[in-house]
Amino acid sequence: MKNIFAIMIIFVFFGCSIKDTMQKCENKDGQSCYKMAIYSQKNRQGHTKIADYHHQACQADYIESCAISGSYYFYGLQVRQDIQKAFLDLTKACDDQNKLKDYDKAISCFYLGQIYENGSKEISKNKSVAVNLYEKSSQIMPKNYQNYGLLRLADLYYIGDGVSQDKDKAVKTYEQLCENGTFEACDTLSKMYIKGEYFQRNLTKAEEYCLKADYLDKRSVIRKCYELK
């Protein structure tokens, strides 16, 4: 009997606590919206609710939620893709001065750069802004993470899109990124050696970079490096 009574007290207490937190969130209290997002995640209430609560938290200036909601809406991660919401939240995350971790800020700037580079119904395409965001992302990204901002900059320098073409700079960047563990850069170098693009065609070097890319790729994509022999 005592155990049942204790359970009822706990249920009523936490029920009231959640109801109170939800009400505060509706009144645009960012921290409460963040708590509701965590609660929804723990109780498996669906990605739409999680993303929506993080978005509400972000728009109420709870910056810790901005990178999360921005990523959800940018990729449409089990929610309806919404570039406008992604743009709003990623902008806040990228502009943050001191609250976010470097990785979260860097990846937010990178995604924001993608939005500007490709454009959308809501956001006008702007390659120069995209380049600036990739540069910002590459400077912030911690060394032990794959530097996608720098990788995209190398791509743009190679083809001269949004920046003055500089193939030497691009290739040096690919080599640096490959050495530091970015498998996409190794894969790019492998393909360049296969095609004889920039480098003289060299299947031995192509296989070397292909195998390194396979080793680094956590998604275990098989590139059939043996076919290069």
Protein backbone atom coordinates (compact mmCIF):
# COMPACT_ATOMS: atom_id res chain seq x y z
CA MET A 1 0.00 0.00 0.00
CA LYS A 2 2.82 2.37 0.92
CA ASN A 3 4.59 1.58 -2.36
CA ILE A 4 1.46 2.38 -4.40
CA PHE A 5 1.04 5.66 -2.52
CA ALA A 6 4.70 6.58 -3.21
CA ILE A 7 4.30 5.82 -6.91
CA MET A 8 1.18 8.01 -7.07
CA ILE A 9 3.07 10.92 -5.45
CA ILE A 10 5.94 10.56 -7.94
CA PHE A 11 3.49 10.38 -10.87
CA VAL A 12 1.60 13.50 -9.73
CA PHE A 13 4.84 15.41 -9.04
CA PHE A 14 6.45 14.68 -12.40
CA GLY A 15 3.13 15.11 -14.22
CA CYS A 16 2.78 18.60 -12.75
CA SER A 17 6.44 19.31 -13.45
CA ILE A 18 6.10 18.42 -17.15
CA LYS A 19 2.86 20.38 -17.44
CA ASP A 20 4.53 23.40 -15.86
CA THR A 21 7.58 23.08 -18.13
CA MET A 22 5.35 22.79 -21.20
CA GLN A 23 3.45 25.92 -20.16
CA LYS A 24 6.71 27.84 -19.72
CA CYS A 25 7.83 26.68 -23.14
CA GLU A 26 4.58 27.96 -24.66
CA ASN A 27 5.40 31.27 -22.99
CA LYS A 28 8.72 31.26 -24.92
CA ASP A 29 11.05 30.21 -22.14
CA GLY A 30 13.95 28.69 -24.10
CA GLN A 31 15.33 26.46 -21.36
CA SER A 32 11.89 24.94 -20.78
CA CYS A 33 11.53 24.17 -24.50
CA TYR A 34 14.96 22.54 -24.41
CA LYS A 35 13.85 20.41 -21.43
CA MET A 36 10.72 19.41 -23.34
CA ALA A 37 12.89 18.34 -26.28
CA ILE A 38 14.99 16.15 -24.00
CA TYR A 39 11.85 14.76 -22.33
CA SER A 40 10.35 13.96 -25.76
CA GLN A 41 13.56 12.23 -26.81
CA LYS A 42 13.77 10.10 -23.67
CA ASN A 43 10.12 9.13 -23.94
CA ARG A 44 10.34 8.42 -27.67
CA GLN A 45 7.60 10.87 -28.56
CA GLY A 46 8.81 11.26 -32.14
CA HIS A 47 11.41 13.30 -34.01
CA THR A 48 8.89 15.93 -35.07
CA LYS A 49 8.23 16.89 -31.44
CA ILE A 50 11.95 16.84 -30.60
CA ALA A 51 12.84 19.08 -33.55
CA ASP A 52 9.92 21.42 -32.87
CA TYR A 53 10.83 21.89 -29.21
CA HIS A 54 14.49 22.52 -30.12
CA HIS A 55 13.36 25.07 -32.72
CA GLN A 56 11.19 26.85 -30.15
CA ALA A 57 14.11 26.83 -27.70
CA CYS A 58 16.44 28.26 -30.32
CA GLN A 59 14.06 31.02 -31.32
CA ALA A 60 13.77 31.88 -27.61
CA ASP A 61 17.59 32.32 -27.68
CA TYR A 62 18.51 29.03 -25.99
CA ILE A 63 21.48 28.64 -28.32
CA GLU A 64 22.32 25.05 -27.32
CA SER A 65 19.24 23.92 -29.27
CA CYS A 66 20.01 25.83 -32.47
CA ALA A 67 22.58 23.47 -34.01
CA ILE A 68 20.33 20.48 -33.23
CA SER A 69 17.13 21.88 -34.72
CA GLY A 70 19.04 23.39 -37.64
CA SER A 71 20.46 19.97 -38.52
CA TYR A 72 17.06 18.30 -38.22
CA TYR A 73 15.38 20.71 -40.61
CA PHE A 74 18.34 21.06 -42.98
CA TYR A 75 18.50 17.33 -43.71
CA GLY A 76 14.86 16.49 -42.98
CA LEU A 77 16.01 13.96 -40.38
CA GLN A 78 12.78 12.03 -39.84
CA VAL A 79 10.93 15.36 -39.97
CA ARG A 80 9.65 17.38 -42.90
CA GLN A 81 12.57 19.29 -44.41
CA ASP A 82 12.19 23.02 -43.75
CA ILE A 83 15.02 25.16 -45.13
CA GLN A 84 13.53 28.35 -43.69
CA LYS A 85 13.57 26.96 -40.14
CA ALA A 86 17.02 25.49 -40.74
CA PHE A 87 18.25 28.86 -41.97
CA LEU A 88 16.93 30.72 -38.91
CA ASP A 89 18.40 28.25 -36.41
CA LEU A 90 21.72 27.68 -38.16
CA THR A 91 22.25 31.45 -38.43
CA LYS A 92 21.85 31.80 -34.67
CA ALA A 93 24.23 28.89 -34.05
CA CYS A 94 26.85 30.13 -36.51
CA ASP A 95 26.72 33.67 -35.09
CA ASP A 96 27.05 32.47 -31.48
CA GLN A 97 29.98 34.01 -29.62
CA ASN A 98 30.70 31.75 -26.65
CA LYS A 99 27.99 29.22 -25.71
CA LEU A 100 28.24 26.49 -28.34
CA LYS A 101 30.98 23.90 -28.65
CA ASP A 102 33.35 24.55 -31.57
CA TYR A 103 32.11 21.51 -33.50
CA ASP A 104 28.43 22.50 -33.22
CA LYS A 105 29.20 26.04 -34.34
CA ALA A 106 31.46 24.90 -37.18
CA ILE A 107 28.98 22.38 -38.58
CA SER A 108 26.19 24.98 -38.33
CA CYS A 109 28.25 27.46 -40.38
CA PHE A 110 28.95 24.72 -42.92
CA TYR A 111 25.26 23.80 -43.33
CA LEU A 112 24.42 27.50 -43.60
CA GLY A 113 27.05 27.80 -46.33
CA GLN A 114 25.33 24.93 -48.17
CA ILE A 115 22.04 26.81 -48.05
CA TYR A 116 23.63 29.96 -49.50
CA GLU A 117 25.57 28.00 -52.13
CA ASN A 118 22.54 26.11 -53.44
CA GLY A 119 19.79 28.61 -52.67
CA SER A 120 16.15 27.73 -52.04
CA LYS A 121 12.67 29.19 -52.49
CA GLU A 122 13.21 31.26 -49.37
CA ILE A 123 16.96 32.00 -49.52
CA SER A 124 18.68 33.58 -52.52
CA LYS A 125 21.83 31.88 -53.80
CA ASN A 126 24.99 33.75 -52.77
CA LYS A 127 28.33 32.05 -53.51
CA SER A 128 30.49 34.73 -51.85
CA VAL A 129 28.57 34.42 -48.57
CA ALA A 130 28.83 30.63 -48.84
CA VAL A 131 32.62 30.84 -49.26
CA ASN A 132 32.90 33.10 -46.20
CA LEU A 133 30.86 30.62 -44.17
CA TYR A 134 33.00 27.69 -45.31
CA GLU A 135 36.11 29.62 -44.31
CA LYS A 136 34.60 30.40 -40.92
CA SER A 137 33.61 26.76 -40.44
CA SER A 138 37.07 25.49 -41.41
CA GLN A 139 38.77 27.82 -38.92
CA ILE A 140 36.52 26.78 -36.02
CA MET A 141 36.34 23.02 -36.63
CA PRO A 142 38.39 21.07 -34.03
CA LYS A 143 41.37 19.19 -35.48
CA ASN A 144 40.07 15.73 -34.57
CA TYR A 145 36.93 16.15 -36.72
CA GLN A 146 36.48 15.96 -40.47
CA ASN A 147 36.74 19.51 -41.81
CA TYR A 148 33.89 19.73 -44.31
CA GLY A 149 34.19 23.50 -44.65
CA LEU A 150 37.78 23.19 -45.81
CA LEU A 151 36.86 20.26 -48.08
CA ARG A 152 34.16 22.30 -49.81
CA LEU A 153 36.57 25.23 -50.18
CA ALA A 154 39.05 22.92 -51.91
CA ASP A 155 36.30 21.82 -54.33
CA LEU A 156 35.44 25.43 -55.13
CA TYR A 157 39.09 26.43 -55.59
CA TYR A 158 39.62 23.51 -57.95
CA ILE A 159 36.78 24.48 -60.30
CA GLY A 160 36.96 28.24 -59.64
CA ASP A 161 33.38 28.56 -58.43
CA GLY A 162 32.78 31.58 -56.17
CA VAL A 163 36.56 32.05 -55.82
CA SER A 164 39.48 32.52 -58.19
CA GLN A 165 40.53 29.14 -59.55
CA ASP A 166 43.63 27.76 -57.82
CA LYS A 167 44.16 24.07 -58.53
CA ASP A 168 47.49 23.97 -56.70
CA LYS A 169 45.88 25.27 -53.51
CA ALA A 170 42.97 22.87 -53.92
CA VAL A 171 45.18 19.81 -54.35
CA LYS A 172 47.40 20.76 -51.40
CA THR A 173 44.24 21.07 -49.31
CA TYR A 174 42.98 17.65 -50.46
CA GLU A 175 46.33 16.11 -49.52
CA GLN A 176 46.31 17.81 -46.12
CA LEU A 177 42.74 16.69 -45.43
CA CYS A 178 43.46 13.13 -46.56
CA GLU A 179 46.51 13.01 -44.29
CA ASN A 180 44.35 14.24 -41.41
CA GLY A 181 41.71 11.56 -41.96
CA THR A 182 39.04 13.02 -44.26
CA PHE A 183 38.07 10.09 -46.47
CA GLU A 184 36.32 12.23 -49.12
CA ALA A 185 39.61 14.01 -49.82
CA CYS A 186 41.42 10.67 -50.24
CA ASP A 187 38.65 9.47 -52.55
CA THR A 188 38.93 12.66 -54.64
CA LEU A 189 42.69 12.23 -54.99
CA SER A 190 42.21 8.60 -56.02
CA LYS A 191 39.79 9.61 -58.78
CA MET A 192 42.16 12.36 -59.95
CA TYR A 193 44.99 9.82 -60.38
CA ILE A 194 42.64 7.46 -62.25
CA LYS A 195 41.53 10.13 -64.70
CA GLY A 196 44.93 11.76 -65.03
CA GLU A 197 43.33 14.95 -63.81
CA TYR A 198 45.93 17.44 -62.50
CA PHE A 199 48.30 14.50 -61.88
CA GLN A 200 49.71 12.19 -64.52
CA ARG A 201 47.57 9.02 -64.61
CA ASN A 202 48.92 6.63 -61.99
CA LEU A 203 46.89 3.59 -60.93
CA THR A 204 49.31 2.67 -58.15
CA LYS A 205 48.78 6.05 -56.48
CA ALA A 206 45.06 5.82 -57.22
CA GLU A 207 44.85 2.47 -55.44
CA GLU A 208 46.86 3.86 -52.49
CA TYR A 209 44.41 6.71 -51.96
CA CYS A 210 41.42 4.48 -52.66
CA LEU A 211 42.45 2.02 -49.95
CA LYS A 212 43.06 4.86 -47.51
CA ALA A 213 39.61 6.25 -48.26
CA ASP A 214 38.05 2.84 -47.62
CA TYR A 215 39.90 2.54 -44.33
CA LEU A 216 38.74 5.97 -43.17
CA ASP A 217 35.14 5.72 -44.36
CA LYS A 218 32.98 4.88 -41.35
CA ARG A 219 30.05 4.16 -43.66
CA SER A 220 32.04 1.21 -45.09
CA VAL A 221 31.43 2.15 -48.70
CA ILE A 222 33.25 -0.35 -50.90
CA ARG A 223 35.10 1.43 -53.69
CA LYS A 224 36.41 -1.78 -55.32
CA CYS A 225 40.01 -0.62 -55.10
CA TYR A 226 41.14 -4.05 -56.32
CA GLU A 227 39.80 -3.15 -59.78
CA LEU A 228 42.56 -0.55 -60.08
CA LYS A 229 45.29 -3.20 -60.15
